[in-house]
Amino acid sequence: MVPTVQLRGATYAIGTPGHSWQLVAQGKLPAAHKGMVHAAKAMAAPALDLLHDPALIARAQEDFARRLAGRPFINPIPDDVQPPLPENAHV
C-alpha cells in the first residue's frame, strides 16, 4: 500500500532471451546504460514533482483515501507468520 513506479525501457536488443548470457553481455554496452539512465530519470521525475509541490501529495492522499473508502487493506498473511530467516540473520 505504497506508491510505486514501473516502466519498461530499451536496454537490450529485441529478441534477446531474458536471464541469458546475451542479456548480461549487452548490459555493458553504452546503449544499455543510456536506456537505464533514461528510465531512472523518468522514474525520478514524479518524485521531483511531489517535492516541488506539496499540494500534489495532499491531493494524492485524498485520492487514495477516496479509492479505498470502505475497502481497507486486509493482509492475507496472519500476524503470527514470520518469514524464514537464517539463524544468524541480524534483524
PDB file of N, CA and C in Angstrom:
ATOM      1  N   MET A   1       0.823  -1.176   0.000  1.00  0.00           N
ATOM      2  CA  MET A   1       0.000   0.000   0.000  1.00  0.00           C
ATOM      3  C   MET A   1       0.869   1.242   0.000  1.00  0.00           C
ATOM      4  N   VAL A   2       1.844   1.242  -0.899  1.00  0.00           N
ATOM      5  CA  VAL A   2       2.719   2.392  -1.062  1.00  0.00           C
ATOM      6  C   VAL A   2       2.773   2.753  -2.539  1.00  0.00           C
ATOM      7  N   PRO A   3       3.045   3.993  -2.838  1.00  0.00           N
ATOM      8  CA  PRO A   3       3.172   4.380  -4.245  1.00  0.00           C
ATOM      9  C   PRO A   3       4.355   3.672  -4.897  1.00  0.00           C
ATOM     10  N   THR A   4       4.177   3.280  -6.123  1.00  0.00           N
ATOM     11  CA  THR A   4       5.261   2.643  -6.866  1.00  0.00           C
ATOM     12  C   THR A   4       5.312   3.221  -8.266  1.00  0.00           C
ATOM     13  N   VAL A   5       6.395   2.974  -8.934  1.00  0.00           N
ATOM     14  CA  VAL A   5       6.537   3.370 -10.328  1.00  0.00           C
ATOM     15  C   VAL A   5       7.206   2.209 -11.055  1.00  0.00           C
ATOM     16  N   GLN A   6       6.767   1.979 -12.263  1.00  0.00           N
ATOM     17  CA  GLN A   6       7.311   0.891 -13.060  1.00  0.00           C
ATOM     18  C   GLN A   6       7.298   1.315 -14.513  1.00  0.00           C
ATOM     19  N   LEU A   7       8.335   0.960 -15.243  1.00  0.00           N
ATOM     20  CA  LEU A   7       8.341   1.228 -16.666  1.00  0.00           C
ATOM     21  C   LEU A   7       9.230   0.229 -17.365  1.00  0.00           C
ATOM     22  N   ARG A   8       9.057   0.159 -18.650  1.00  0.00           N
ATOM     23  CA  ARG A   8       9.905  -0.681 -19.469  1.00  0.00           C
ATOM     24  C   ARG A   8      10.624   0.235 -20.436  1.00  0.00           C
ATOM     25  N   GLY A   9      11.912   0.019 -20.565  1.00  0.00           N
ATOM     26  CA  GLY A   9      12.699   0.848 -21.458  1.00  0.00           C
ATOM     27  C   GLY A   9      13.640  -0.007 -22.285  1.00  0.00           C
ATOM     28  N   ALA A  10      14.132   0.560 -23.345  1.00  0.00           N
ATOM     29  CA  ALA A  10      15.044  -0.155 -24.235  1.00  0.00           C
ATOM     30  C   ALA A  10      16.435  -0.209 -23.619  1.00  0.00           C
ATOM     31  N   THR A  11      16.841  -1.388 -23.181  1.00  0.00           N
ATOM     32  CA  THR A  11      18.179  -1.573 -22.625  1.00  0.00           C
ATOM     33  C   THR A  11      18.898  -2.766 -23.245  1.00  0.00           C
ATOM     34  N   TYR A  12      18.235  -3.452 -24.151  1.00  0.00           N
ATOM     35  CA  TYR A  12      18.862  -4.572 -24.846  1.00  0.00           C
ATOM     36  C   TYR A  12      18.146  -4.795 -26.174  1.00  0.00           C
ATOM     37  N   ALA A  13      18.744  -5.597 -27.032  1.00  0.00           N
ATOM     38  CA  ALA A  13      18.210  -5.829 -28.374  1.00  0.00           C
ATOM     39  C   ALA A  13      16.929  -6.652 -28.331  1.00  0.00           C
ATOM     40  N   ILE A  14      16.015  -6.327 -29.211  1.00  0.00           N
ATOM     41  CA  ILE A  14      14.770  -7.082 -29.339  1.00  0.00           C
ATOM     42  C   ILE A  14      15.112  -8.536 -29.648  1.00  0.00           C
ATOM     43  N   GLY A  15      14.415  -9.436 -28.980  1.00  0.00           N
ATOM     44  CA  GLY A  15      14.617 -10.860 -29.219  1.00  0.00           C
ATOM     45  C   GLY A  15      15.640 -11.513 -28.305  1.00  0.00           C
ATOM     46  N   THR A  16      16.306 -10.722 -27.473  1.00  0.00           N
ATOM     47  CA  THR A  16      17.282 -11.288 -26.548  1.00  0.00           C
ATOM     48  C   THR A  16      16.555 -12.078 -25.466  1.00  0.00           C
ATOM     49  N   PRO A  17      16.964 -13.336 -25.243  1.00  0.00           N
ATOM     50  CA  PRO A  17      16.290 -14.116 -24.201  1.00  0.00           C
ATOM     51  C   PRO A  17      16.558 -13.532 -22.816  1.00  0.00           C
ATOM     52  N   GLY A  18      15.518 -13.476 -21.993  1.00  0.00           N
ATOM     53  CA  GLY A  18      15.693 -12.996 -20.629  1.00  0.00           C
ATOM     54  C   GLY A  18      16.562 -13.947 -19.822  1.00  0.00           C
ATOM     55  N   HIS A  19      17.251 -13.421 -18.835  1.00  0.00           N
ATOM     56  CA  HIS A  19      18.096 -14.216 -17.940  1.00  0.00           C
ATOM     57  C   HIS A  19      19.114 -15.052 -18.723  1.00  0.00           C
ATOM     58  N   SER A  20      19.717 -14.449 -19.735  1.00  0.00           N
ATOM     59  CA  SER A  20      20.696 -15.169 -20.558  1.00  0.00           C
ATOM     60  C   SER A  20      22.038 -14.451 -20.523  1.00  0.00           C
ATOM     61  N   TRP A  21      23.088 -15.162 -20.958  1.00  0.00           N
ATOM     62  CA  TRP A  21      24.403 -14.524 -21.006  1.00  0.00           C
ATOM     63  C   TRP A  21      24.401 -13.404 -22.036  1.00  0.00           C
ATOM     64  N   GLN A  22      23.571 -13.537 -23.076  1.00  0.00           N
ATOM     65  CA  GLN A  22      23.489 -12.482 -24.087  1.00  0.00           C
ATOM     66  C   GLN A  22      22.946 -11.186 -23.484  1.00  0.00           C
ATOM     67  N   LEU A  23      21.958 -11.332 -22.633  1.00  0.00           N
ATOM     68  CA  LEU A  23      21.382 -10.159 -21.973  1.00  0.00           C
ATOM     69  C   LEU A  23      22.415  -9.508 -21.047  1.00  0.00           C
ATOM     70  N   VAL A  24      23.133 -10.333 -20.300  1.00  0.00           N
ATOM     71  CA  VAL A  24      24.166  -9.817 -19.396  1.00  0.00           C
ATOM     72  C   VAL A  24      25.246  -9.087 -20.195  1.00  0.00           C
ATOM     73  N   ALA A  25      25.677  -9.675 -21.290  1.00  0.00           N
ATOM     74  CA  ALA A  25      26.723  -9.059 -22.105  1.00  0.00           C
ATOM     75  C   ALA A  25      26.271  -7.711 -22.661  1.00  0.00           C
ATOM     76  N   GLN A  26      25.016  -7.611 -23.052  1.00  0.00           N
ATOM     77  CA  GLN A  26      24.517  -6.350 -23.595  1.00  0.00           C
ATOM     78  C   GLN A  26      24.403  -5.268 -22.528  1.00  0.00           C
ATOM     79  N   GLY A  27      24.315  -5.671 -21.280  1.00  0.00           N
ATOM     80  CA  GLY A  27      24.201  -4.696 -20.197  1.00  0.00           C
ATOM     81  C   GLY A  27      25.421  -3.816 -20.046  1.00  0.00           C
ATOM     82  N   LYS A  28      26.524  -4.212 -20.652  1.00  0.00           N
ATOM     83  CA  LYS A  28      27.757  -3.423 -20.565  1.00  0.00           C
ATOM     84  C   LYS A  28      27.871  -2.402 -21.700  1.00  0.00           C
ATOM     85  N   LEU A  29      26.950  -2.439 -22.622  1.00  0.00           N
ATOM     86  CA  LEU A  29      27.027  -1.551 -23.783  1.00  0.00           C
ATOM     87  C   LEU A  29      26.500  -0.152 -23.468  1.00  0.00           C
ATOM     88  N   PRO A  30      27.034   0.862 -24.169  1.00  0.00           N
ATOM     89  CA  PRO A  30      26.551   2.227 -23.960  1.00  0.00           C
ATOM     90  C   PRO A  30      25.043   2.375 -24.176  1.00  0.00           C
ATOM     91  N   ALA A  31      24.465   1.629 -25.118  1.00  0.00           N
ATOM     92  CA  ALA A  31      23.030   1.733 -25.367  1.00  0.00           C
ATOM     93  C   ALA A  31      22.241   1.296 -24.134  1.00  0.00           C
ATOM     94  N   ALA A  32      22.713   0.249 -23.450  1.00  0.00           N
ATOM     95  CA  ALA A  32      22.031  -0.212 -22.241  1.00  0.00           C
ATOM     96  C   ALA A  32      22.105   0.837 -21.148  1.00  0.00           C
ATOM     97  N   HIS A  33      23.261   1.445 -20.987  1.00  0.00           N
ATOM     98  CA  HIS A  33      23.426   2.480 -19.963  1.00  0.00           C
ATOM     99  C   HIS A  33      22.556   3.694 -20.274  1.00  0.00           C
ATOM    100  N   LYS A  34      22.475   4.047 -21.538  1.00  0.00           N
ATOM    101  CA  LYS A  34      21.625   5.168 -21.938  1.00  0.00           C
ATOM    102  C   LYS A  34      20.166   4.869 -21.604  1.00  0.00           C
ATOM    103  N   GLY A  35      19.723   3.640 -21.882  1.00  0.00           N
ATOM    104  CA  GLY A  35      18.357   3.254 -21.560  1.00  0.00           C
ATOM    105  C   GLY A  35      18.094   3.266 -20.070  1.00  0.00           C
ATOM    106  N   MET A  36      19.071   2.798 -19.280  1.00  0.00           N
ATOM    107  CA  MET A  36      18.896   2.785 -17.821  1.00  0.00           C
ATOM    108  C   MET A  36      18.823   4.194 -17.260  1.00  0.00           C
ATOM    109  N   VAL A  37      19.659   5.094 -17.773  1.00  0.00           N
ATOM    110  CA  VAL A  37      19.633   6.483 -17.306  1.00  0.00           C
ATOM    111  C   VAL A  37      18.303   7.134 -17.678  1.00  0.00           C
ATOM    112  N   HIS A  38      17.826   6.864 -18.883  1.00  0.00           N
ATOM    113  CA  HIS A  38      16.537   7.410 -19.310  1.00  0.00           C
ATOM    114  C   HIS A  38      15.416   6.914 -18.388  1.00  0.00           C
ATOM    115  N   ALA A  39      15.429   5.616 -18.078  1.00  0.00           N
ATOM    116  CA  ALA A  39      14.413   5.041 -17.189  1.00  0.00           C
ATOM    117  C   ALA A  39      14.503   5.661 -15.799  1.00  0.00           C
ATOM    118  N   ALA A  40      15.715   5.832 -15.289  1.00  0.00           N
ATOM    119  CA  ALA A  40      15.890   6.416 -13.952  1.00  0.00           C
ATOM    120  C   ALA A  40      15.349   7.833 -13.902  1.00  0.00           C
ATOM    121  N   LYS A  41      15.602   8.599 -14.939  1.00  0.00           N
ATOM    122  CA  LYS A  41      15.083   9.972 -14.986  1.00  0.00           C
ATOM    123  C   LYS A  41      13.562   9.987 -15.035  1.00  0.00           C
ATOM    124  N   ALA A  42      12.993   9.094 -15.838  1.00  0.00           N
ATOM    125  CA  ALA A  42      11.530   9.035 -15.951  1.00  0.00           C
ATOM    126  C   ALA A  42      10.903   8.620 -14.626  1.00  0.00           C
ATOM    127  N   MET A  43      11.565   7.728 -13.883  1.00  0.00           N
ATOM    128  CA  MET A  43      11.026   7.276 -12.602  1.00  0.00           C
ATOM    129  C   MET A  43      11.218   8.321 -11.506  1.00  0.00           C
ATOM    130  N   ALA A  44      12.259   9.127 -11.604  1.00  0.00           N
ATOM    131  CA  ALA A  44      12.524  10.144 -10.591  1.00  0.00           C
ATOM    132  C   ALA A  44      11.687  11.404 -10.793  1.00  0.00           C
ATOM    133  N   ALA A  45      11.238  11.655 -12.012  1.00  0.00           N
ATOM    134  CA  ALA A  45      10.504  12.888 -12.306  1.00  0.00           C
ATOM    135  C   ALA A  45       9.256  13.074 -11.431  1.00  0.00           C
ATOM    136  N   PRO A  46       8.429  12.053 -11.227  1.00  0.00           N
ATOM    137  CA  PRO A  46       7.266  12.258 -10.358  1.00  0.00           C
ATOM    138  C   PRO A  46       7.657  12.614  -8.923  1.00  0.00           C
ATOM    139  N   ALA A  47       8.743  12.024  -8.424  1.00  0.00           N
ATOM    140  CA  ALA A  47       9.191  12.355  -7.068  1.00  0.00           C
ATOM    141  C   ALA A  47       9.604  13.817  -6.986  1.00  0.00           C
ATOM    142  N   LEU A  48      10.275  14.309  -8.005  1.00  0.00           N
ATOM    143  CA  LEU A  48      10.659  15.725  -8.021  1.00  0.00           C
ATOM    144  C   LEU A  48       9.427  16.620  -8.046  1.00  0.00           C
ATOM    145  N   ASP A  49       8.436  16.219  -8.831  1.00  0.00           N
ATOM    146  CA  ASP A  49       7.192  16.999  -8.870  1.00  0.00           C
ATOM    147  C   ASP A  49       6.580  17.096  -7.478  1.00  0.00           C
ATOM    148  N   LEU A  50       6.568  15.970  -6.752  1.00  0.00           N
ATOM    149  CA  LEU A  50       5.996  15.962  -5.406  1.00  0.00           C
ATOM    150  C   LEU A  50       6.811  16.814  -4.436  1.00  0.00           C
ATOM    151  N   LEU A  51       8.123  16.781  -4.562  1.00  0.00           N
ATOM    152  CA  LEU A  51       8.971  17.590  -3.684  1.00  0.00           C
ATOM    153  C   LEU A  51       8.786  19.081  -3.931  1.00  0.00           C
ATOM    154  N   HIS A  52       8.556  19.444  -5.177  1.00  0.00           N
ATOM    155  CA  HIS A  52       8.405  20.859  -5.523  1.00  0.00           C
ATOM    156  C   HIS A  52       6.991  21.388  -5.288  1.00  0.00           C
ATOM    157  N   ASP A  53       6.013  20.495  -5.166  1.00  0.00           N
ATOM    158  CA  ASP A  53       4.626  20.929  -4.981  1.00  0.00           C
ATOM    159  C   ASP A  53       3.937  20.032  -3.949  1.00  0.00           C
ATOM    160  N   PRO A  54       4.088  20.356  -2.657  1.00  0.00           N
ATOM    161  CA  PRO A  54       3.487  19.527  -1.606  1.00  0.00           C
ATOM    162  C   PRO A  54       1.976  19.368  -1.738  1.00  0.00           C
ATOM    163  N   ALA A  55       1.316  20.266  -2.432  1.00  0.00           N
ATOM    164  CA  ALA A  55      -0.131  20.137  -2.632  1.00  0.00           C
ATOM    165  C   ALA A  55      -0.459  18.878  -3.431  1.00  0.00           C
ATOM    166  N   LEU A  56       0.469  18.448  -4.283  1.00  0.00           N
ATOM    167  CA  LEU A  56       0.262  17.214  -5.035  1.00  0.00           C
ATOM    168  C   LEU A  56       0.175  16.008  -4.094  1.00  0.00           C
ATOM    169  N   ILE A  57       0.975  16.029  -3.040  1.00  0.00           N
ATOM    170  CA  ILE A  57       0.950  14.934  -2.069  1.00  0.00           C
ATOM    171  C   ILE A  57      -0.406  14.891  -1.378  1.00  0.00           C
ATOM    172  N   ALA A  58      -0.896  16.036  -0.975  1.00  0.00           N
ATOM    173  CA  ALA A  58      -2.203  16.099  -0.314  1.00  0.00           C
ATOM    174  C   ALA A  58      -3.303  15.592  -1.244  1.00  0.00           C
ATOM    175  N   ARG A  59      -3.256  15.997  -2.522  1.00  0.00           N
ATOM    176  CA  ARG A  59      -4.267  15.536  -3.486  1.00  0.00           C
ATOM    177  C   ARG A  59      -4.165  14.030  -3.708  1.00  0.00           C
ATOM    178  N   ALA A  60      -2.946  13.510  -3.752  1.00  0.00           N
ATOM    179  CA  ALA A  60      -2.761  12.068  -3.933  1.00  0.00           C
ATOM    180  C   ALA A  60      -3.289  11.306  -2.727  1.00  0.00           C
ATOM    181  N   GLN A  61      -3.050  11.835  -1.528  1.00  0.00           N
ATOM    182  CA  GLN A  61      -3.555  11.176  -0.320  1.00  0.00           C
ATOM    183  C   GLN A  61      -5.086  11.179  -0.297  1.00  0.00           C
ATOM    184  N   GLU A  62      -5.678  12.284  -0.703  1.00  0.00           N
ATOM    185  CA  GLU A  62      -7.140  12.369  -0.765  1.00  0.00           C
ATOM    186  C   GLU A  62      -7.692  11.374  -1.788  1.00  0.00           C
ATOM    187  N   ASP A  63      -7.049  11.293  -2.941  1.00  0.00           N
ATOM    188  CA  ASP A  63      -7.487  10.370  -3.975  1.00  0.00           C
ATOM    189  C   ASP A  63      -7.357   8.923  -3.486  1.00  0.00           C
ATOM    190  N   PHE A  64      -6.263   8.616  -2.826  1.00  0.00           N
ATOM    191  CA  PHE A  64      -6.025   7.271  -2.286  1.00  0.00           C
ATOM    192  C   PHE A  64      -7.100   6.912  -1.266  1.00  0.00           C
ATOM    193  N   ALA A  65      -7.401   7.835  -0.353  1.00  0.00           N
ATOM    194  CA  ALA A  65      -8.423   7.595   0.664  1.00  0.00           C
ATOM    195  C   ALA A  65      -9.797   7.389   0.012  1.00  0.00           C
ATOM    196  N   ARG A  66     -10.088   8.169  -1.006  1.00  0.00           N
ATOM    197  CA  ARG A  66     -11.369   8.040  -1.718  1.00  0.00           C
ATOM    198  C   ARG A  66     -11.474   6.674  -2.389  1.00  0.00           C
ATOM    199  N   ARG A  67     -10.397   6.224  -3.018  1.00  0.00           N
ATOM    200  CA  ARG A  67     -10.414   4.934  -3.714  1.00  0.00           C
ATOM    201  C   ARG A  67     -10.545   3.762  -2.745  1.00  0.00           C
ATOM    202  N   LEU A  68     -10.021   3.916  -1.527  1.00  0.00           N
ATOM    203  CA  LEU A  68     -10.077   2.836  -0.545  1.00  0.00           C
ATOM    204  C   LEU A  68     -11.274   2.933   0.390  1.00  0.00           C
ATOM    205  N   ALA A  69     -12.067   3.963   0.256  1.00  0.00           N
ATOM    206  CA  ALA A  69     -13.199   4.176   1.167  1.00  0.00           C
ATOM    207  C   ALA A  69     -14.043   2.914   1.276  1.00  0.00           C
ATOM    208  N   GLY A  70     -14.177   2.418   2.511  1.00  0.00           N
ATOM    209  CA  GLY A  70     -14.987   1.236   2.752  1.00  0.00           C
ATOM    210  C   GLY A  70     -14.333  -0.076   2.369  1.00  0.00           C
ATOM    211  N   ARG A  71     -13.077  -0.033   1.872  1.00  0.00           N
ATOM    212  CA  ARG A  71     -12.377  -1.253   1.483  1.00  0.00           C
ATOM    213  C   ARG A  71     -10.958  -1.229   2.051  1.00  0.00           C
ATOM    214  N   PRO A  72     -10.815  -1.367   3.346  1.00  0.00           N
ATOM    215  CA  PRO A  72      -9.473  -1.325   3.926  1.00  0.00           C
ATOM    216  C   PRO A  72      -8.645  -2.532   3.481  1.00  0.00           C
ATOM    217  N   PHE A  73      -7.347  -2.365   3.502  1.00  0.00           N
ATOM    218  CA  PHE A  73      -6.441  -3.458   3.148  1.00  0.00           C
ATOM    219  C   PHE A  73      -6.470  -4.518   4.241  1.00  0.00           C
ATOM    220  N   ILE A  74      -6.654  -5.752   3.851  1.00  0.00           N
ATOM    221  CA  ILE A  74      -6.607  -6.873   4.783  1.00  0.00           C
ATOM    222  C   ILE A  74      -5.462  -7.771   4.345  1.00  0.00           C
ATOM    223  N   ASN A  75      -4.450  -7.849   5.182  1.00  0.00           N
ATOM    224  CA  ASN A  75      -3.282  -8.652   4.857  1.00  0.00           C
ATOM    225  C   ASN A  75      -3.653 -10.130   4.917  1.00  0.00           C
ATOM    226  N   PRO A  76      -3.435 -10.881   3.821  1.00  0.00           N
ATOM    227  CA  PRO A  76      -3.792 -12.299   3.824  1.00  0.00           C
ATOM    228  C   PRO A  76      -2.832 -13.160   4.641  1.00  0.00           C
ATOM    229  N   ILE A  77      -1.717 -12.593   5.049  1.00  0.00           N
ATOM    230  CA  ILE A  77      -0.742 -13.329   5.854  1.00  0.00           C
ATOM    231  C   ILE A  77      -1.052 -13.084   7.323  1.00  0.00           C
ATOM    232  N   PRO A  78      -1.292 -14.144   8.089  1.00  0.00           N
ATOM    233  CA  PRO A  78      -1.601 -13.972   9.513  1.00  0.00           C
ATOM    234  C   PRO A  78      -0.468 -13.252  10.255  1.00  0.00           C
ATOM    235  N   ASP A  79      -0.835 -12.494  11.289  1.00  0.00           N
ATOM    236  CA  ASP A  79       0.151 -11.717  12.051  1.00  0.00           C
ATOM    237  C   ASP A  79       1.230 -12.577  12.681  1.00  0.00           C
ATOM    238  N   ASP A  80       0.916 -13.831  13.022  1.00  0.00           N
ATOM    239  CA  ASP A  80       1.900 -14.666  13.703  1.00  0.00           C
ATOM    240  C   ASP A  80       2.860 -15.378  12.742  1.00  0.00           C
ATOM    241  N   VAL A  81       2.694 -15.196  11.432  1.00  0.00           N
ATOM    242  CA  VAL A  81       3.578 -15.829  10.454  1.00  0.00           C
ATOM    243  C   VAL A  81       4.784 -14.930  10.229  1.00  0.00           C
ATOM    244  N   GLN A  82       5.960 -15.497  10.386  1.00  0.00           N
ATOM    245  CA  GLN A  82       7.205 -14.758  10.190  1.00  0.00           C
ATOM    246  C   GLN A  82       7.970 -15.365   9.020  1.00  0.00           C
ATOM    247  N   PRO A  83       8.732 -14.566   8.305  1.00  0.00           N
ATOM    248  CA  PRO A  83       9.499 -15.108   7.177  1.00  0.00           C
ATOM    249  C   PRO A  83      10.605 -16.026   7.694  1.00  0.00           C
ATOM    250  N   PRO A  84      10.942 -17.062   6.925  1.00  0.00           N
ATOM    251  CA  PRO A  84      12.010 -17.965   7.342  1.00  0.00           C
ATOM    252  C   PRO A  84      13.378 -17.299   7.150  1.00  0.00           C
ATOM    253  N   LEU A  85      13.937 -16.799   8.211  1.00  0.00           N
ATOM    254  CA  LEU A  85      15.239 -16.133   8.159  1.00  0.00           C
ATOM    255  C   LEU A  85      16.329 -17.088   8.612  1.00  0.00           C
ATOM    256  N   PRO A  86      17.522 -16.942   8.064  1.00  0.00           N
ATOM    257  CA  PRO A  86      18.636 -17.782   8.541  1.00  0.00           C
ATOM    258  C   PRO A  86      18.874 -17.540  10.022  1.00  0.00           C
ATOM    259  N   GLU A  87      19.363 -18.551  10.693  1.00  0.00           N
ATOM    260  CA  GLU A  87      19.592 -18.482  12.150  1.00  0.00           C
ATOM    261  C   GLU A  87      20.504 -17.327  12.533  1.00  0.00           C
ATOM    262  N   ASN A  88      21.478 -16.998  11.678  1.00  0.00           N
ATOM    263  CA  ASN A  88      22.448 -15.958  12.035  1.00  0.00           C
ATOM    264  C   ASN A  88      22.090 -14.586  11.465  1.00  0.00           C
ATOM    265  N   ALA A  89      20.876 -14.430  10.987  1.00  0.00           N
ATOM    266  CA  ALA A  89      20.468 -13.127  10.439  1.00  0.00           C
ATOM    267  C   ALA A  89      20.351 -12.092  11.549  1.00  0.00           C
ATOM    268  N   HIS A  90      20.872 -10.914  11.287  1.00  0.00           N
ATOM    269  CA  HIS A  90      20.782  -9.828  12.250  1.00  0.00           C
ATOM    270  C   HIS A  90      19.674  -8.897  11.791  1.00  0.00           C
ATOM    271  N   VAL A  91      18.586  -8.880  12.534  1.00  0.00           N
ATOM    272  CA  VAL A  91      17.420  -8.087  12.139  1.00  0.00           C
ATOM    273  C   VAL A  91      17.442  -6.763  12.849  1.00  0.00           C
TER     274      VAL A  91
END
